[in-house]
Protein backbone atom coordinates (compact mmCIF):
# COMPACT_ATOMS: atom_id res chain seq x y z
CA MET A 1 71.14 94.02 100.05
CA THR A 2 68.04 94.03 97.93
CA ASN A 3 68.02 96.94 95.50
CA ILE A 4 64.70 98.76 95.69
CA HIS A 5 66.00 101.73 93.72
CA ASP A 6 66.18 100.26 90.23
CA ASP A 7 64.90 103.52 88.81
CA GLU A 8 68.19 105.15 89.82
CA ILE A 9 70.17 103.13 87.26
CA ILE A 10 71.40 105.31 84.42
CA GLY A 11 70.33 104.49 80.88
CA LYS A 12 71.59 105.93 77.62
CA ALA A 13 74.10 108.76 77.60
CA TYR A 14 71.98 110.49 74.98
CA ASP A 15 68.44 109.79 73.84
CA ALA A 16 67.22 111.90 70.91
CA ARG A 17 63.56 111.22 71.71
CA LEU A 18 63.94 112.44 75.28
CA MET A 19 66.00 115.44 74.22
CA ARG A 20 63.35 116.53 71.72
CA ARG A 21 60.75 116.34 74.44
CA LEU A 22 62.95 118.25 76.87
CA LEU A 23 63.58 121.00 74.36
CA GLN A 24 59.82 121.61 74.17
CA TYR A 25 60.12 123.18 77.62
CA LEU A 26 62.57 125.71 76.12
CA ARG A 27 60.07 126.94 73.52
CA PRO A 28 58.19 129.39 75.79
CA TYR A 29 61.55 130.97 76.59
CA SER A 30 63.06 130.95 73.11
CA ARG A 31 63.68 134.71 73.29
CA GLN A 32 65.81 134.41 76.42
CA VAL A 33 67.65 131.41 74.95
CA GLY A 34 68.30 133.35 71.74
CA LEU A 35 69.72 136.28 73.70
CA ALA A 36 71.89 133.85 75.69
CA LEU A 37 73.23 132.40 72.42
CA VAL A 38 74.06 135.89 71.19
CA ALA A 39 75.86 136.56 74.48
CA ILE A 40 77.77 133.29 74.10
CA VAL A 41 78.86 134.16 70.56
CA VAL A 42 79.88 137.69 71.59
CA GLY A 43 81.77 136.35 74.60
CA GLY A 44 83.51 133.73 72.45
CA ALA A 45 84.50 136.35 69.88
CA ALA A 46 85.90 138.52 72.67
CA GLN A 47 88.00 135.62 73.93
CA LEU A 48 89.26 134.93 70.42
CA ALA A 49 90.28 138.56 70.00
CA GLN A 50 92.38 138.84 73.14
CA PRO A 51 95.39 136.66 72.11
CA TYR A 52 95.36 138.26 68.66
CA LEU A 53 95.75 141.69 70.24
CA PHE A 54 98.89 140.41 71.97
CA LYS A 55 100.24 139.35 68.58
CA VAL A 56 99.56 142.80 67.16
CA ALA A 57 101.09 144.54 70.17
CA ILE A 58 104.30 142.51 69.97
CA ASP A 59 104.76 142.39 66.20
CA ARG A 60 103.58 145.88 65.25
CA TYR A 61 104.66 147.96 68.22
CA ILE A 62 107.02 146.31 70.70
CA ALA A 63 109.24 144.58 68.11
CA ASN A 64 109.56 147.84 66.14
CA GLY A 65 110.03 150.01 69.22
CA GLN A 66 106.83 151.98 68.53
CA LEU A 67 105.13 152.84 71.79
CA ALA A 68 102.76 155.49 70.46
CA GLY A 69 99.93 153.11 69.59
CA LEU A 70 100.19 150.82 72.58
CA GLU A 71 97.89 152.88 74.81
CA ASN A 72 95.11 152.67 72.23
CA LEU A 73 95.66 148.94 71.88
CA ALA A 74 95.60 148.53 75.68
CA ALA A 75 92.36 150.51 75.85
CA LEU A 76 90.89 148.28 73.13
CA TYR A 77 92.01 145.22 75.06
CA LEU A 78 90.31 146.51 78.24
CA GLY A 79 87.17 147.23 76.23
CA ILE A 80 87.13 143.69 74.87
CA VAL A 81 87.60 142.31 78.40
CA ALA A 82 84.64 144.42 79.54
CA VAL A 83 82.54 143.08 76.64
CA ALA A 84 83.52 139.52 77.58
CA PHE A 85 82.50 140.22 81.20
CA ALA A 86 79.14 141.66 80.14
CA ALA A 87 78.52 138.74 77.77
CA GLU A 88 79.37 136.20 80.48
CA TYR A 89 77.08 137.99 82.94
CA ALA A 90 74.20 138.11 80.42
CA GLN A 91 74.69 134.45 79.50
CA THR A 92 74.72 133.30 83.15
CA TRP A 93 71.74 135.45 84.13
CA LEU A 94 69.59 134.46 81.15
CA LEU A 95 70.35 130.73 81.39
CA GLN A 96 69.83 130.58 85.16
CA LEU A 97 66.57 132.53 84.83
CA THR A 98 65.39 130.20 82.07
CA GLY A 99 66.41 127.14 84.09
CA GLN A 100 64.44 128.31 87.13
CA ARG A 101 61.34 128.96 85.04
CA ILE A 102 61.59 125.54 83.39
CA MET A 103 61.99 123.95 86.84
CA PHE A 104 58.83 125.77 87.93
CA ASP A 105 56.92 124.55 84.88
CA LEU A 106 58.09 120.97 85.32
CA ARG A 107 57.28 120.84 89.03
CA MET A 108 53.82 122.27 88.44
CA ALA A 109 53.22 119.74 85.65
CA ILE A 110 54.36 116.84 87.85
CA TYR A 111 52.38 117.95 90.90
CA GLY A 112 49.27 118.60 88.84
CA HIS A 113 49.53 115.13 87.33
CA LEU A 114 50.11 113.54 90.75
CA GLN A 115 46.84 115.06 91.95
CA ARG A 116 44.96 113.50 89.04
CA LEU A 117 46.39 110.01 89.43
CA ASP A 118 44.18 107.47 91.15
CA VAL A 119 44.78 105.87 94.54
CA ARG A 120 45.80 102.59 92.88
CA TYR A 121 48.93 104.30 91.55
CA TYR A 122 49.99 105.34 95.06
CA ASP A 123 49.43 101.81 96.31
CA ARG A 124 52.35 100.60 94.22
CA ASN A 125 54.69 103.64 94.25
CA PRO A 126 56.53 104.74 97.42
CA VAL A 127 56.16 108.37 98.44
CA GLY A 128 59.93 108.83 98.66
CA ARG A 129 60.34 107.90 95.00
CA LEU A 130 57.69 110.41 93.93
CA MET A 131 59.33 113.09 96.08
CA THR A 132 62.57 112.46 94.20
CA ARG A 133 60.81 113.11 90.90
CA VAL A 134 59.59 116.55 92.03
CA THR A 135 62.86 117.58 93.69
CA SER A 136 66.14 115.90 92.71
CA ASP A 137 65.25 114.90 89.15
CA VAL A 138 63.99 118.37 88.30
CA ASP A 139 67.17 119.89 89.78
CA VAL A 140 69.24 117.70 87.47
CA LEU A 141 67.33 119.02 84.45
CA ASN A 142 68.00 122.56 85.65
CA ASP A 143 71.73 121.81 85.36
CA LEU A 144 71.13 120.59 81.82
CA PHE A 145 69.42 123.80 80.72
CA THR A 146 71.70 126.22 82.58
CA SER A 147 75.13 124.70 81.94
CA GLY A 148 74.50 121.94 79.43
CA VAL A 149 72.58 122.36 76.20
CA VAL A 150 73.25 126.03 75.43
CA SER A 151 76.71 126.22 77.01
CA VAL A 152 77.95 123.32 74.89
CA ILE A 153 77.17 125.44 71.83
CA GLY A 154 79.45 128.14 73.26
CA ASP A 155 82.22 125.61 73.89
CA VAL A 156 81.94 124.26 70.35
CA PHE A 157 81.93 127.79 68.92
CA LEU A 158 85.08 128.65 70.91
CA LEU A 159 86.87 125.44 69.89
CA VAL A 160 86.07 125.89 66.20
CA GLY A 161 87.01 129.56 66.36
CA ILE A 162 90.38 128.82 67.98
CA MET A 163 91.13 126.11 65.39
CA VAL A 164 90.25 128.43 62.49
CA VAL A 165 92.38 131.28 63.85
CA MET A 166 95.36 129.02 64.60
CA ILE A 167 95.22 127.39 61.17
CA GLY A 168 94.89 130.81 59.56
CA MET A 169 97.93 132.14 61.40
CA ASN A 170 100.22 129.15 60.73
CA TRP A 171 98.78 125.81 59.69
CA ARG A 172 102.02 123.89 60.33
CA LEU A 173 102.28 125.09 63.92
CA ALA A 174 98.54 124.43 64.34
CA LEU A 175 99.02 120.80 63.31
CA VAL A 176 101.82 120.49 65.86
CA ALA A 177 99.50 121.85 68.57
CA PHE A 178 96.69 119.52 67.50
CA ALA A 179 98.96 116.47 67.62
CA VAL A 180 97.96 115.91 71.25
CA LEU A 181 94.22 115.62 70.41
CA PRO A 182 94.22 111.77 70.18
CA LEU A 183 95.68 111.70 73.69
CA ILE A 184 92.94 114.07 74.86
CA ALA A 185 90.31 111.80 73.31
CA LEU A 186 91.68 108.74 75.12
CA ILE A 187 91.72 110.52 78.50
CA ALA A 188 88.20 111.91 77.99
CA GLN A 189 86.85 108.49 77.02
CA TRP A 190 88.45 106.88 80.10
CA PHE A 191 86.99 109.61 82.30
CA ARG A 192 83.46 109.40 80.89
CA ARG A 193 83.28 105.62 81.11
CA ASN A 194 84.48 105.41 84.71
CA VAL A 195 82.64 108.46 86.01
CA ARG A 196 79.41 107.16 84.54
CA ASP A 197 79.64 103.96 86.58
CA SER A 198 80.83 105.84 89.66
CA TYR A 199 77.98 108.33 89.38
CA ARG A 200 75.46 105.51 89.20
CA VAL A 201 76.84 103.89 92.35
CA VAL A 202 76.91 107.19 94.28
CA ARG A 203 73.33 108.01 93.28
CA GLY A 204 72.17 104.55 94.30
CA TRP A 205 73.69 104.88 97.77
CA ILE A 206 72.20 108.37 98.16
CA ALA A 207 68.79 106.85 97.45
CA ARG A 208 69.42 104.21 100.11
CA ILE A 209 70.44 106.85 102.65
CA ASN A 210 67.26 108.85 101.97
CA ALA A 211 65.06 105.77 102.23
CA PHE A 212 66.72 104.64 105.48
CA LEU A 213 66.40 108.08 107.08
CA GLN A 214 62.79 108.54 106.02
CA GLU A 215 61.74 105.17 107.40
CA ASN A 216 63.63 105.30 110.68
CA ILE A 217 63.08 108.96 111.56
CA THR A 218 59.36 108.55 110.91
CA GLY A 219 59.31 105.49 113.16
CA MET A 220 61.65 106.92 115.81
CA SER A 221 59.22 106.21 118.66
CA THR A 222 59.18 102.51 117.72
CA VAL A 223 62.97 102.52 117.34
CA GLN A 224 63.39 103.88 120.84
CA LEU A 225 60.68 101.66 122.33
CA PHE A 226 62.34 98.48 121.10
CA ARG A 227 65.86 99.83 121.77
CA ARG A 228 67.00 99.54 118.15
CA GLU A 229 69.21 102.66 118.28
CA GLY A 230 72.44 100.65 118.26
CA LEU A 231 71.35 98.32 115.47
CA ASN A 232 70.05 101.20 113.34
CA PHE A 233 73.23 103.19 113.93
CA THR A 234 75.31 100.23 112.75
CA ARG A 235 73.18 99.81 109.62
CA PHE A 236 73.34 103.52 108.83
CA ASP A 237 77.09 103.49 109.41
CA GLU A 238 77.40 100.73 106.82
CA ILE A 239 75.27 102.54 104.24
CA ASP A 240 76.98 105.87 104.86
CA ALA A 241 80.43 104.23 104.60
CA ARG A 242 79.52 102.69 101.24
CA HIS A 243 78.34 106.09 100.04
CA ARG A 244 81.59 107.69 101.26
CA ASP A 245 83.70 105.06 99.50
CA ALA A 246 81.75 105.51 96.27
CA ASN A 247 82.33 109.27 96.45
CA ILE A 248 86.03 108.79 97.11
CA GLU A 249 86.24 106.59 94.04
CA SER A 250 84.56 109.26 91.93
CA ILE A 251 86.94 111.87 93.39
CA PHE A 252 89.86 109.78 92.12
CA TYR A 253 88.64 110.07 88.53
CA TYR A 254 88.13 113.83 88.81
CA ALA A 255 91.49 114.25 90.56
CA THR A 256 93.16 112.34 87.71
CA PHE A 257 91.26 113.82 84.77
CA TYR A 258 91.84 117.53 85.27
CA PRO A 259 95.59 117.28 85.99
CA ALA A 260 95.88 114.95 82.99
CA ILE A 261 94.23 117.55 80.77
CA GLU A 262 96.54 120.21 82.20
CA ALA A 263 99.54 117.96 81.53
CA VAL A 264 98.47 117.41 77.93
CA GLY A 265 97.95 121.14 77.57
CA ALA A 266 101.46 121.72 78.93
CA LEU A 267 102.75 119.16 76.41
CA ALA A 268 101.03 121.07 73.61
CA SER A 269 102.60 124.31 74.87
CA ALA A 270 106.01 122.64 74.94
CA LEU A 271 105.55 121.47 71.33
CA ILE A 272 104.49 124.96 70.29
CA ILE A 273 107.55 126.51 71.99
CA TRP A 274 109.85 123.87 70.46
CA TYR A 275 108.55 124.06 66.92
CA GLY A 276 107.42 127.69 67.03
CA GLY A 277 110.66 128.87 68.64
CA GLY A 278 112.60 127.28 65.81
CA SER A 279 110.30 128.97 63.30
CA VAL A 280 110.83 132.34 64.98
CA LEU A 281 114.62 131.88 64.82
CA ALA A 282 114.29 130.83 61.18
CA GLY A 283 112.22 133.92 60.43
CA THR A 284 109.12 132.02 59.26
CA LEU A 285 107.04 132.97 62.33
CA THR A 286 106.80 136.16 64.32
CA LEU A 287 107.30 136.30 68.08
CA GLY A 288 103.80 137.77 68.50
CA ALA A 289 102.27 134.87 66.62
CA LEU A 290 104.12 132.42 68.91
CA VAL A 291 102.78 134.18 72.02
CA ALA A 292 99.27 134.20 70.51
CA PHE A 293 99.56 130.45 69.74
CA LEU A 294 100.47 129.74 73.36
CA GLN A 295 97.44 131.66 74.61
CA TYR A 296 95.12 130.04 72.10
CA SER A 297 96.32 126.57 73.10
CA GLN A 298 95.58 127.35 76.76
CA ARG A 299 92.07 128.45 75.82
CA PHE A 300 91.64 125.42 73.56
CA PHE A 301 91.89 122.78 76.31
CA ARG A 302 89.62 124.55 78.79
CA PRO A 303 86.35 123.92 76.86
CA ILE A 304 87.46 120.34 76.19
CA SER A 305 87.59 119.62 79.92
CA ASP A 306 84.30 121.51 80.39
CA MET A 307 82.61 119.42 77.72
CA SER A 308 83.77 116.20 79.37
CA GLU A 309 82.23 117.39 82.63
CA LYS A 310 79.01 118.33 80.82
CA PHE A 311 78.82 114.76 79.57
CA ASN A 312 77.95 113.80 83.16
CA ILE A 313 75.23 116.45 83.24
CA LEU A 314 73.81 115.09 80.00
CA GLN A 315 74.06 111.52 81.33
CA SER A 316 72.14 112.24 84.53
CA ALA A 317 69.65 114.48 82.72
CA MET A 318 68.71 111.65 80.36
CA ALA A 319 68.07 109.34 83.31
CA SER A 320 66.08 111.98 85.23
CA SER A 321 64.02 112.99 82.20
CA GLU A 322 63.18 109.35 81.48
CA ARG A 323 61.85 108.94 85.03
CA ILE A 324 59.95 112.25 84.94
CA PHE A 325 58.30 111.53 81.58
CA LYS A 326 57.43 108.03 82.72
CA LEU A 327 55.51 109.63 85.59
CA LEU A 328 53.90 112.26 83.35
CA ASP A 329 52.87 109.55 80.87
CA GLU A 330 51.19 107.49 83.58
CA PRO A 331 47.53 107.27 82.45
CA VAL A 332 44.82 108.79 84.63
CA THR A 333 42.41 105.88 84.99
CA ILE A 334 39.92 107.55 87.35
CA ALA A 335 39.00 110.58 85.29
CA PRO A 336 35.87 112.73 85.04
CA PRO A 337 33.71 111.75 82.04
CA ALA A 338 34.03 113.94 78.97
CA ARG A 339 30.30 114.68 79.18
CA PRO A 340 29.17 114.28 82.80
CA VAL A 341 25.53 113.41 83.40
CA ALA A 342 23.65 115.74 85.71
CA ARG A 343 21.77 114.10 88.58
CA PRO A 344 18.00 114.35 88.19
CA GLU A 345 16.27 117.37 89.74
CA GLY A 346 14.99 116.65 93.20
CA ALA A 347 17.52 113.80 93.58
CA THR A 348 17.80 112.68 97.16
CA GLY A 349 20.92 110.52 97.09
CA HIS A 350 19.59 106.99 96.66
CA ILE A 351 22.65 104.67 96.58
CA ALA A 352 22.62 101.23 94.97
CA PHE A 353 25.31 98.56 94.52
CA ASP A 354 24.31 96.42 91.56
CA HIS A 355 26.13 93.05 91.36
CA VAL A 356 29.49 94.63 92.21
CA TRP A 357 32.71 92.66 91.83
CA PHE A 358 36.06 94.13 92.69
CA ALA A 359 39.72 93.03 92.85
CA TYR A 360 42.62 95.38 93.52
CA ASN A 361 44.80 93.44 91.09
CA ALA A 362 42.29 93.42 88.22
CA ALA A 363 41.50 96.08 85.64
CA PRO A 364 37.95 97.49 85.48
CA VAL A 365 35.68 96.10 82.77
CA ALA A 366 33.10 97.83 80.64
CA ARG A 367 30.32 99.70 82.33
CA SER A 368 27.39 97.70 83.69
CA VAL A 369 29.01 94.33 82.95
CA ARG A 370 27.86 91.73 85.45
CA LEU A 371 30.30 89.00 86.32
CA GLN A 372 28.73 85.66 86.96
CA PRO A 373 29.82 83.67 90.01
CA ASP A 374 31.34 80.81 88.02
CA PRO A 375 34.28 78.61 89.14
CA GLY A 376 36.66 80.47 86.83
CA LEU A 377 36.20 83.68 88.75
CA GLU A 378 36.42 81.92 92.07
CA SER A 379 39.79 80.37 91.28
CA GLY A 380 41.13 82.82 88.70
CA THR A 381 44.08 85.20 88.93
CA PRO A 382 42.17 88.23 90.30
CA ASP A 383 41.93 88.22 94.08
CA TYR A 384 38.35 89.41 94.46
CA VAL A 385 37.66 91.48 97.57
CA LEU A 386 33.97 91.90 96.71
CA ARG A 387 31.93 89.20 95.01
CA ASP A 388 28.54 89.92 93.47
CA VAL A 389 27.52 92.45 96.15
CA SER A 390 24.09 94.07 95.78
CA PHE A 391 22.29 96.36 98.23
CA GLU A 392 20.73 99.79 98.41
CA VAL A 393 20.85 102.70 100.82
CA LYS A 394 17.74 104.84 100.78
CA PRO A 395 17.84 108.62 101.41
CA GLY A 396 18.04 109.36 105.12
CA GLU A 397 18.68 105.73 105.98
CA ARG A 398 21.35 104.77 108.51
CA VAL A 399 23.28 101.67 107.48
CA GLY A 400 25.94 99.85 109.45
CA ILE A 401 28.48 97.51 107.85
CA VAL A 402 30.22 94.81 109.88
CA GLY A 403 32.42 91.85 109.15
CA ALA A 404 35.79 90.31 109.89
CA THR A 405 39.02 92.01 108.84
CA GLY A 406 39.46 91.70 105.09
CA ALA A 407 35.75 91.16 104.43
CA GLY A 408 35.63 94.19 102.09
CA LYS A 409 34.01 96.82 104.31
CA THR A 410 36.39 99.71 103.57
CA THR A 411 36.47 98.71 99.91
CA LEU A 412 32.77 99.60 99.65
CA ILE A 413 33.57 103.18 100.64
CA ASN A 414 36.59 103.36 98.29
CA LEU A 415 34.39 102.29 95.39
CA LEU A 416 31.55 104.62 96.32
CA LEU A 417 33.93 107.60 96.37
CA ARG A 418 35.45 106.31 93.12
CA PHE A 419 38.96 106.03 94.46
CA TYR A 420 38.83 102.79 92.45
CA ASP A 421 36.48 101.65 89.70
CA VAL A 422 34.50 98.45 90.07
CA THR A 423 35.80 95.38 88.26
CA GLY A 424 32.28 94.30 87.39
CA GLY A 425 28.74 95.52 87.99
CA ARG A 426 27.97 99.14 88.79
CA ILE A 427 27.22 101.63 91.57
CA THR A 428 24.47 104.19 91.06
CA ILE A 429 23.32 107.33 92.84
CA ASP A 430 19.73 108.30 92.01
CA GLY A 431 19.87 105.82 89.14
CA VAL A 432 22.98 107.33 87.52
CA ASP A 433 26.19 105.28 87.29
CA ILE A 434 28.80 107.12 89.37
CA ARG A 435 31.29 106.78 86.47
CA ARG A 436 29.06 109.14 84.50
CA LEU A 437 29.05 111.81 87.21
CA ASP A 438 31.57 114.63 87.56
CA LEU A 439 34.17 113.57 90.14
CA ALA A 440 34.01 116.80 92.12
CA GLU A 441 30.20 116.66 92.24
CA LEU A 442 30.25 112.99 93.26
CA ARG A 443 32.75 113.40 96.09
CA GLY A 444 31.07 116.60 97.22
CA LEU A 445 28.05 114.51 98.25
CA PHE A 446 30.01 112.71 100.95
CA GLY A 447 31.63 113.47 104.26
CA LEU A 448 34.18 110.85 105.31
CA VAL A 449 35.65 110.12 108.75
CA LEU A 450 38.44 107.55 108.76
CA GLN A 451 40.05 105.60 111.57
CA ASP A 452 43.48 107.02 110.70
CA VAL A 453 42.96 110.79 110.71
CA TYR A 454 45.23 112.88 108.50
CA LEU A 455 45.82 116.45 109.62
CA PHE A 456 47.79 119.01 107.64
CA SER A 457 50.26 121.59 108.90
CA GLY A 458 48.37 124.80 109.61
CA THR A 459 45.81 125.81 112.19
CA ILE A 460 42.89 124.06 113.85
CA GLY A 461 40.42 126.15 111.84
CA GLU A 462 42.19 125.45 108.55
CA ASN A 463 42.07 121.70 109.22
CA ILE A 464 38.30 121.88 109.77
CA ARG A 465 37.72 124.16 106.80
CA LEU A 466 40.19 122.20 104.64
CA GLY A 467 40.53 124.79 101.90
CA ASN A 468 36.83 125.68 101.62
CA GLN A 469 37.12 129.47 101.69
CA ALA A 470 33.34 129.85 101.53
CA MET A 471 33.09 128.32 105.01
CA ASP A 472 32.89 131.15 107.54
CA GLU A 473 34.21 131.10 111.10
CA GLY A 474 30.75 130.59 112.59
CA ARG A 475 30.19 127.44 110.57
CA VAL A 476 33.56 126.05 111.69
CA ARG A 477 32.76 126.72 115.34
CA ARG A 478 29.27 125.22 115.10
CA ALA A 479 30.68 122.02 113.61
CA ALA A 480 33.27 121.77 116.38
CA GLU A 481 30.63 122.36 119.05
CA ALA A 482 28.34 119.73 117.53
CA VAL A 483 30.95 117.01 118.01
CA HIS A 484 32.13 118.42 121.36
CA ALA A 485 35.55 119.32 119.95
CA ASP A 486 35.22 122.91 121.16
CA GLY A 487 36.13 121.83 124.70
CA PHE A 488 39.76 121.00 123.97
CA ILE A 489 40.10 123.57 121.15
CA GLU A 490 39.29 126.48 123.45
CA ARG A 491 41.85 125.24 125.95
CA LEU A 492 44.60 125.45 123.32
CA PRO A 493 46.69 128.63 123.02
CA HIS A 494 45.03 130.80 120.36
CA GLY A 495 42.04 128.43 120.12
CA TYR A 496 40.98 127.87 116.52
CA GLU A 497 44.15 129.64 115.35
CA ALA A 498 46.38 127.21 117.29
CA ALA A 499 49.10 125.70 115.14
CA VAL A 500 48.84 122.05 114.10
CA ALA A 501 52.15 120.21 113.65
CA GLU A 502 52.83 117.75 110.84
CA ARG A 503 50.20 114.99 110.88
CA GLY A 504 48.82 116.52 114.09
CA SER A 505 51.63 115.08 116.21
CA THR A 506 50.92 117.52 119.07
CA LEU A 507 47.31 116.31 119.44
CA SER A 508 46.02 113.12 121.00
CA VAL A 509 44.37 110.40 118.94
CA GLY A 510 40.97 111.30 120.37
CA GLN A 511 41.43 115.00 119.64
CA LYS A 512 42.39 114.28 116.04
CA GLN A 513 39.33 112.07 115.69
CA LEU A 514 37.06 114.85 116.95
CA LEU A 515 38.61 117.28 114.47
CA SER A 516 37.92 114.75 111.73
CA PHE A 517 34.25 114.68 112.77
CA ALA A 518 34.11 118.47 112.75
CA ARG A 519 35.76 118.55 109.32
CA ALA A 520 33.20 116.18 107.82
CA LEU A 521 30.19 117.84 109.40
CA ALA A 522 31.27 121.39 108.54
CA SER A 523 30.93 120.53 104.85
CA ASP A 524 27.29 119.54 105.48
CA PRO A 525 27.41 116.37 103.34
CA ARG A 526 24.35 114.62 102.02
CA VAL A 527 25.90 111.27 102.97
CA LEU A 528 27.99 110.79 106.11
CA MET A 529 30.45 107.87 105.99
CA LEU A 530 32.22 106.59 109.10
CA ASP A 531 35.04 104.05 108.80
CA GLU A 532 35.86 102.77 112.30
CA ALA A 533 35.41 106.39 113.37
CA THR A 534 35.18 105.72 117.09
CA SER A 535 37.67 102.87 117.40
CA SER A 536 40.49 105.17 118.56
CA VAL A 537 38.39 107.21 120.98
CA ASP A 538 38.22 106.55 124.70
CA THR A 539 34.91 105.57 126.29
CA GLU A 540 34.08 109.03 127.62
CA THR A 541 34.81 110.73 124.31
CA GLU A 542 32.90 108.03 122.44
CA LEU A 543 29.79 108.79 124.48
CA LEU A 544 30.09 112.48 123.52
CA VAL A 545 30.56 111.62 119.85
CA ARG A 546 27.68 109.16 119.79
CA ASP A 547 25.45 111.79 121.38
CA ALA A 548 26.41 114.28 118.68
CA LEU A 549 25.95 111.75 115.91
CA ARG A 550 22.37 111.00 116.93
CA VAL A 551 21.49 114.61 116.24
CA LEU A 552 23.64 115.00 113.14
CA MET A 553 22.52 111.80 111.41
CA ALA A 554 18.89 112.88 111.56
CA GLY A 555 17.74 113.51 107.99
CA ARG A 556 21.15 112.57 106.60
CA THR A 557 22.11 109.28 104.97
CA THR A 558 24.76 107.53 107.05
CA ILE A 559 27.00 104.59 106.24
CA ALA A 560 29.05 103.40 109.21
CA ILE A 561 31.72 100.70 109.29
CA ALA A 562 32.41 99.41 112.78
CA HIS A 563 34.14 96.65 114.70
CA ARG A 564 32.32 97.60 117.89
CA LEU A 565 28.81 96.34 117.28
CA SER A 566 27.53 98.57 120.09
CA THR A 567 28.12 101.63 117.88
CA ILE A 568 25.74 100.47 115.13
CA GLN A 569 23.00 98.62 117.05
CA ASP A 570 20.48 101.41 116.54
CA MET A 571 21.04 101.63 112.75
CA ASP A 572 18.08 101.21 110.42
CA LYS A 573 19.89 98.38 108.65
CA ILE A 574 23.04 96.37 109.21
CA LEU A 575 24.94 94.64 106.40
CA VAL A 576 27.14 91.66 107.26
CA LEU A 577 30.04 90.97 104.89
CA HIS A 578 31.93 87.69 104.96
CA LYS A 579 34.77 86.85 102.56
CA GLY A 580 33.69 89.52 100.10
CA ARG A 581 30.02 88.52 99.98
CA LEU A 582 26.97 90.12 101.51
CA ARG A 583 25.75 87.30 103.74
CA GLU A 584 23.16 88.93 106.02
CA SER A 585 21.08 92.09 106.15
CA GLY A 586 18.58 93.44 108.69
CA THR A 587 18.21 95.29 111.98
CA HIS A 588 20.16 94.39 115.10
CA GLN A 589 17.33 92.33 116.56
CA GLU A 590 16.53 90.64 113.25
CA LEU A 591 20.14 89.57 112.77
CA LEU A 592 20.40 88.24 116.33
CA ALA A 593 17.24 86.22 115.75
CA GLN A 594 18.81 84.61 112.65
CA ARG A 595 21.64 83.28 114.85
CA GLY A 596 24.06 83.51 111.93
CA ILE A 597 27.36 85.34 111.38
CA TYR A 598 26.22 88.53 113.10
CA PHE A 599 25.05 86.57 116.14
CA LYS A 600 28.49 84.91 116.41
CA LEU A 601 30.27 88.25 116.08
CA PHE A 602 28.04 89.77 118.76
CA GLU A 603 28.52 86.83 121.07
CA LEU A 604 32.31 86.87 120.72
CA GLN A 605 32.49 90.61 121.25
CA TYR A 606 30.10 90.58 124.18
CA LYS A 607 32.12 87.87 125.92
CA GLY A 608 35.35 89.76 125.25
CA GLU A 609 33.99 93.02 126.63
CA THR A 610 32.56 91.24 129.70
CA ARG A 611 35.94 89.61 130.38
CA THR A 612 37.69 92.98 130.05
CA GLU A 613 35.23 94.67 132.43
CA ASN A 614 35.73 91.89 135.02
CA LEU A 615 39.49 92.29 134.84
CA GLU A 616 39.17 96.06 135.29
CA LEU A 617 36.91 95.55 138.34
CA LYS A 618 39.39 93.12 139.90
CA THR A 619 42.19 95.57 139.30
């Protein structure tokens, strides 16, 4: 199986550069982290005190038959337990609170950056992968901050404290207890090495499961149409089984590691009883000290096993942070200029393409550079979609654009809206290069209707208004009435407040197209752009839309891309693109008289439509 999830592979177990950058997100919450550290130290001190109180109780009171002071010692012990509880509660609360706030900050930073990235970035990065950055990868970092970085300090403090106390009580017995540490190191190293590989495999298969589900659930209608349920079930069964097996393998390492640590701890206890018991009989060690040693040894191995588990958290956090920072470091290539140029007063929206070259696989060149049509460009690496295209659209003019699939029609709109920057040449509005205009101001000039309409979850009114809170209800209704969308809207339950499902799945293609018209017209754009806007509409609905457009295009610049030549025959000017070049320009009648590319397109389409009509009549 081809691995399309290379970004899931785990890198270094620890990267100082990444950790320094991660810790920057802790700085706004340094007070909470400081309080958590205090709670960790207090809790660790309380744990260190508990076994020592047992030593005192046995040696000072029980061994001497003095019961008078035991109640005070018991009360002190209960007080220390209460302090340990309060410290643990404060530590957990503060670290979880800090982790949630850091997750919030990271997600907002990622989403804000995603909104600034240009369309070219989304052409080469799957949506599922970006979703993982905002969700799963940020969750992994939350584990790092809540039970990783700060908690490790508490584990280290407890380990060092136990070692100091044990050595202080009896250094010989302490060395006996610590004799098992090399064995602990070997087990921990075996666990970390194998769990790292196992974790990588499990995460890779999870990514495959998510990708398979996203693709096949989204295309469920096609799956059912072509009766692929059995085949898809078999493929999912295979992927799911591999994921299960990888998890079972990882369970083996966990199931082995923790009992092994317990066994080594029991071995240490046995050594303490053997050597310490002899010391007690010889009178060189008190019974209370032996009991305290046993309790300290039990507490000593607990943070060791915890730290081995936190190694996995650190491992996955390094991989997730590397992917997140790679996304955050992605440069924003389509950015507003530092000092935007204001359009001249009285500007009317005169659009001009000046020797424009463009290739999706080529980087933009310096402003106003004109590429010459030499053989090097024709046969070079860049795959040019537009080649030395020049034309102008005057204010109020209606321009149609036609051409075969792949001729570069939609690319003209993408460049005009600055979803991409030209590779060579320039595009101007009222004489100002669009790269010198503020992006919001530039895109606010246009209203765009695409062939594939995208509707958001919400209501009908919200999808027409599209976040413009200044647009009142009357304006929304007038726009819908203008494109004859009010007919089906008013038949819906709750009308303009009717709920719209994801991507408008409960609406027909024609209804979604009408809503798209209403959305564009409600914003009252200076330039109306239509990209195959009527190709998905039935004949009756198309007649209604064309009737509305005749009124709405009056006094407004219109650029319309169409396959159906009948929809643009009455345009003021028609541009004919062929293989990325502007080959013909003129009115419908002028282009027919030239008997060139447009004439051939018209003839082919007319014959096709006539043949279809004859078949319908025979039927």
